[in-house]
């Protein structure tokens, strides 16, 4: 069993995850997996939150982007939406518990909403 922010099996139920996974597999075929355990999901989410902060700040200087990042949100990302926790430099996101069966994961539980890092 494992608890993570993303499992590939989510592509069966979420069109955004399916599109993201397909694009990744096209660009990086083979054994380079887009998975939470490889830090790919966190890197993707972090870059998209930074992008949202730059757009909100309207400029790219460090102070303006950092202030905007404190309240950044994304509506879509691996495993669902995410948002920064003001003042903590961490983000809230959905979490999933899955069990490995026959080489694949099956989701057995999921958070009701975004999980604050202090709850993990």
C-alpha atoms as a PDB file:
ATOM      1  CA  UNK A   1       0.000   0.000   0.000  1.00  0.00           C
ATOM      2  CA  UNK A   2       1.097   3.540  -0.650  1.00  0.00           C
ATOM      3  CA  UNK A   3      -0.218   7.053  -0.037  1.00  0.00           C
ATOM      4  CA  UNK A   4       0.757   9.634  -2.670  1.00  0.00           C
ATOM      5  CA  UNK A   5      -0.531  12.680  -4.511  1.00  0.00           C
ATOM      6  CA  UNK A   6      -0.778  10.866  -7.855  1.00  0.00           C
ATOM      7  CA  UNK A   7      -1.077   7.392  -9.308  1.00  0.00           C
ATOM      8  CA  UNK A   8      -1.141   6.615 -13.039  1.00  0.00           C
ATOM      9  CA  UNK A   9      -4.443   4.786 -12.580  1.00  0.00           C
ATOM     10  CA  UNK A  10      -6.061   8.235 -12.139  1.00  0.00           C
ATOM     11  CA  UNK A  11      -5.776   8.690 -15.913  1.00  0.00           C
ATOM     12  CA  UNK A  12      -8.819   6.404 -16.232  1.00  0.00           C
ATOM     13  CA  UNK A  13     -11.066   8.909 -14.435  1.00  0.00           C
ATOM     14  CA  UNK A  14      -9.503  12.345 -14.954  1.00  0.00           C
ATOM     15  CA  UNK A  15      -9.196  13.776 -18.492  1.00  0.00           C
ATOM     16  CA  UNK A  16      -6.435  16.195 -17.435  1.00  0.00           C
ATOM     17  CA  UNK A  17      -4.322  13.384 -15.970  1.00  0.00           C
ATOM     18  CA  UNK A  18      -4.895  11.283 -19.109  1.00  0.00           C
ATOM     19  CA  UNK A  19      -3.784  14.150 -21.373  1.00  0.00           C
ATOM     20  CA  UNK A  20      -0.741  14.933 -19.201  1.00  0.00           C
ATOM     21  CA  UNK A  21       0.341  11.275 -19.021  1.00  0.00           C
ATOM     22  CA  UNK A  22      -0.076  10.787 -22.797  1.00  0.00           C
ATOM     23  CA  UNK A  23       1.966  13.910 -23.583  1.00  0.00           C
ATOM     24  CA  UNK A  24       4.721  12.818 -21.202  1.00  0.00           C
ATOM     25  CA  UNK A  25       4.882   9.289 -22.620  1.00  0.00           C
ATOM     26  CA  UNK A  26       5.079  10.710 -26.159  1.00  0.00           C
ATOM     27  CA  UNK A  27       7.972  13.026 -25.266  1.00  0.00           C
ATOM     28  CA  UNK A  28       9.789  10.566 -22.974  1.00  0.00           C
ATOM     29  CA  UNK A  29       9.061   6.986 -24.076  1.00  0.00           C
ATOM     30  CA  UNK A  30      10.551   4.089 -22.182  1.00  0.00           C
ATOM     31  CA  UNK A  31      11.381   3.743 -18.530  1.00  0.00           C
ATOM     32  CA  UNK A  32      11.281   7.424 -17.524  1.00  0.00           C
ATOM     33  CA  UNK A  33       7.991   7.397 -15.655  1.00  0.00           C
ATOM     34  CA  UNK A  34       5.809  10.372 -14.779  1.00  0.00           C
ATOM     35  CA  UNK A  35       5.148   9.386 -11.190  1.00  0.00           C
ATOM     36  CA  UNK A  36       4.926  10.879  -7.719  1.00  0.00           C
ATOM     37  CA  UNK A  37       7.819   8.714  -6.540  1.00  0.00           C
ATOM     38  CA  UNK A  38      10.141  10.203  -9.163  1.00  0.00           C
ATOM     39  CA  UNK A  39       9.339  13.771  -8.053  1.00  0.00           C
ATOM     40  CA  UNK A  40       7.779  14.459 -11.457  1.00  0.00           C
ATOM     41  CA  UNK A  41       4.383  15.404 -10.029  1.00  0.00           C
ATOM     42  CA  UNK A  42       5.841  17.791  -7.464  1.00  0.00           C
ATOM     43  CA  UNK A  43       8.103  19.400 -10.043  1.00  0.00           C
ATOM     44  CA  UNK A  44       5.198  19.877 -12.463  1.00  0.00           C
ATOM     45  CA  UNK A  45       2.991  21.300  -9.709  1.00  0.00           C
ATOM     46  CA  UNK A  46       5.746  23.591  -8.434  1.00  0.00           C
ATOM     47  CA  UNK A  47       6.417  25.044 -11.883  1.00  0.00           C
ATOM     48  CA  UNK A  48       2.707  25.618 -12.513  1.00  0.00           C
ATOM     49  CA  UNK A  49       2.277  27.316  -9.119  1.00  0.00           C
ATOM     50  CA  UNK A  50       5.289  29.516  -9.921  1.00  0.00           C
ATOM     51  CA  UNK A  51       3.752  30.315 -13.326  1.00  0.00           C
ATOM     52  CA  UNK A  52       0.482  31.309 -11.623  1.00  0.00           C
ATOM     53  CA  UNK A  53       2.425  33.541  -9.223  1.00  0.00           C
ATOM     54  CA  UNK A  54       4.319  35.270 -12.047  1.00  0.00           C
ATOM     55  CA  UNK A  55       1.056  35.939 -13.867  1.00  0.00           C
ATOM     56  CA  UNK A  56      -0.552  37.299 -10.700  1.00  0.00           C
ATOM     57  CA  UNK A  57       2.484  39.464  -9.871  1.00  0.00           C
ATOM     58  CA  UNK A  58       2.714  40.778 -13.417  1.00  0.00           C
ATOM     59  CA  UNK A  59       6.509  40.836 -13.181  1.00  0.00           C
ATOM     60  CA  UNK A  60       9.362  38.456 -12.382  1.00  0.00           C
ATOM     61  CA  UNK A  61      11.310  40.096  -9.597  1.00  0.00           C
ATOM     62  CA  UNK A  62      11.862  37.837  -6.607  1.00  0.00           C
ATOM     63  CA  UNK A  63       9.863  39.808  -4.029  1.00  0.00           C
ATOM     64  CA  UNK A  64       6.771  40.229  -6.223  1.00  0.00           C
ATOM     65  CA  UNK A  65       6.695  36.581  -7.285  1.00  0.00           C
ATOM     66  CA  UNK A  66       7.305  35.332  -3.717  1.00  0.00           C
ATOM     67  CA  UNK A  67       4.419  37.452  -2.430  1.00  0.00           C
ATOM     68  CA  UNK A  68       2.097  36.156  -5.165  1.00  0.00           C
ATOM     69  CA  UNK A  69       3.310  32.564  -4.711  1.00  0.00           C
ATOM     70  CA  UNK A  70       2.144  32.655  -1.105  1.00  0.00           C
ATOM     71  CA  UNK A  71      -1.454  32.567  -2.433  1.00  0.00           C
ATOM     72  CA  UNK A  72      -0.978  30.721  -5.750  1.00  0.00           C
ATOM     73  CA  UNK A  73      -3.492  28.108  -6.907  1.00  0.00           C
ATOM     74  CA  UNK A  74      -3.817  25.786  -9.877  1.00  0.00           C
ATOM     75  CA  UNK A  75      -7.138  24.289 -10.928  1.00  0.00           C
ATOM     76  CA  UNK A  76      -5.554  21.311 -12.696  1.00  0.00           C
ATOM     77  CA  UNK A  77      -2.448  19.317 -11.989  1.00  0.00           C
ATOM     78  CA  UNK A  78      -1.331  15.730 -11.477  1.00  0.00           C
ATOM     79  CA  UNK A  79      -3.923  14.205  -9.164  1.00  0.00           C
ATOM     80  CA  UNK A  80      -6.051  17.347  -9.098  1.00  0.00           C
ATOM     81  CA  UNK A  81      -5.909  20.993  -8.047  1.00  0.00           C
ATOM     82  CA  UNK A  82      -3.406  22.458  -5.590  1.00  0.00           C
ATOM     83  CA  UNK A  83      -2.923  25.656  -3.658  1.00  0.00           C
ATOM     84  CA  UNK A  84      -0.214  27.164  -1.529  1.00  0.00           C
ATOM     85  CA  UNK A  85      -0.636  27.414   2.240  1.00  0.00           C
ATOM     86  CA  UNK A  86      -0.034  31.112   3.006  1.00  0.00           C
ATOM     87  CA  UNK A  87       3.099  31.695   5.059  1.00  0.00           C
ATOM     88  CA  UNK A  88       4.227  28.050   4.959  1.00  0.00           C
ATOM     89  CA  UNK A  89       5.846  27.587   1.510  1.00  0.00           C
ATOM     90  CA  UNK A  90       3.997  24.283   1.150  1.00  0.00           C
ATOM     91  CA  UNK A  91       0.935  23.388  -0.877  1.00  0.00           C
ATOM     92  CA  UNK A  92      -2.303  21.583  -0.211  1.00  0.00           C
ATOM     93  CA  UNK A  93      -3.244  18.835  -2.654  1.00  0.00           C
ATOM     94  CA  UNK A  94      -5.377  15.737  -2.951  1.00  0.00           C
ATOM     95  CA  UNK A  95      -3.967  12.506  -1.580  1.00  0.00           C
ATOM     96  CA  UNK A  96      -4.688   8.930  -2.585  1.00  0.00           C
ATOM     97  CA  UNK A  97      -4.132   5.563  -0.917  1.00  0.00           C
ATOM     98  CA  UNK A  98      -3.574   2.689  -3.311  1.00  0.00           C
ATOM     99  CA  UNK A  99      -2.766  -0.991  -3.100  1.00  0.00           C
ATOM    100  CA  UNK A 100      -0.559  -2.780  -5.621  1.00  0.00           C
ATOM    101  CA  UNK A 101      -2.330  -5.640  -7.369  1.00  0.00           C
ATOM    102  CA  UNK A 102      -0.747  -7.563 -10.229  1.00  0.00           C
ATOM    103  CA  UNK A 103       1.824  -4.856 -10.916  1.00  0.00           C
ATOM    104  CA  UNK A 104      -0.723  -2.022 -10.947  1.00  0.00           C
ATOM    105  CA  UNK A 105      -2.126   0.245  -8.282  1.00  0.00           C
ATOM    106  CA  UNK A 106      -5.790   0.310  -7.311  1.00  0.00           C
ATOM    107  CA  UNK A 107      -7.064   3.397  -5.473  1.00  0.00           C
ATOM    108  CA  UNK A 108      -8.723   2.273  -2.224  1.00  0.00           C
ATOM    109  CA  UNK A 109      -9.171   5.673  -0.530  1.00  0.00           C
ATOM    110  CA  UNK A 110      -8.867   9.365  -1.391  1.00  0.00           C
ATOM    111  CA  UNK A 111      -8.983  12.621   0.481  1.00  0.00           C
ATOM    112  CA  UNK A 112     -12.269  14.524   0.426  1.00  0.00           C
ATOM    113  CA  UNK A 113     -10.446  17.637  -0.701  1.00  0.00           C
ATOM    114  CA  UNK A 114      -7.043  19.264  -0.539  1.00  0.00           C
ATOM    115  CA  UNK A 115      -4.881  18.008   2.314  1.00  0.00           C
ATOM    116  CA  UNK A 116      -2.870  20.525   4.334  1.00  0.00           C
ATOM    117  CA  UNK A 117       0.763  19.388   4.778  1.00  0.00           C
ATOM    118  CA  UNK A 118       0.349  19.346   8.572  1.00  0.00           C
ATOM    119  CA  UNK A 119      -2.217  16.549   8.139  1.00  0.00           C
ATOM    120  CA  UNK A 120       0.221  14.152   6.442  1.00  0.00           C
END
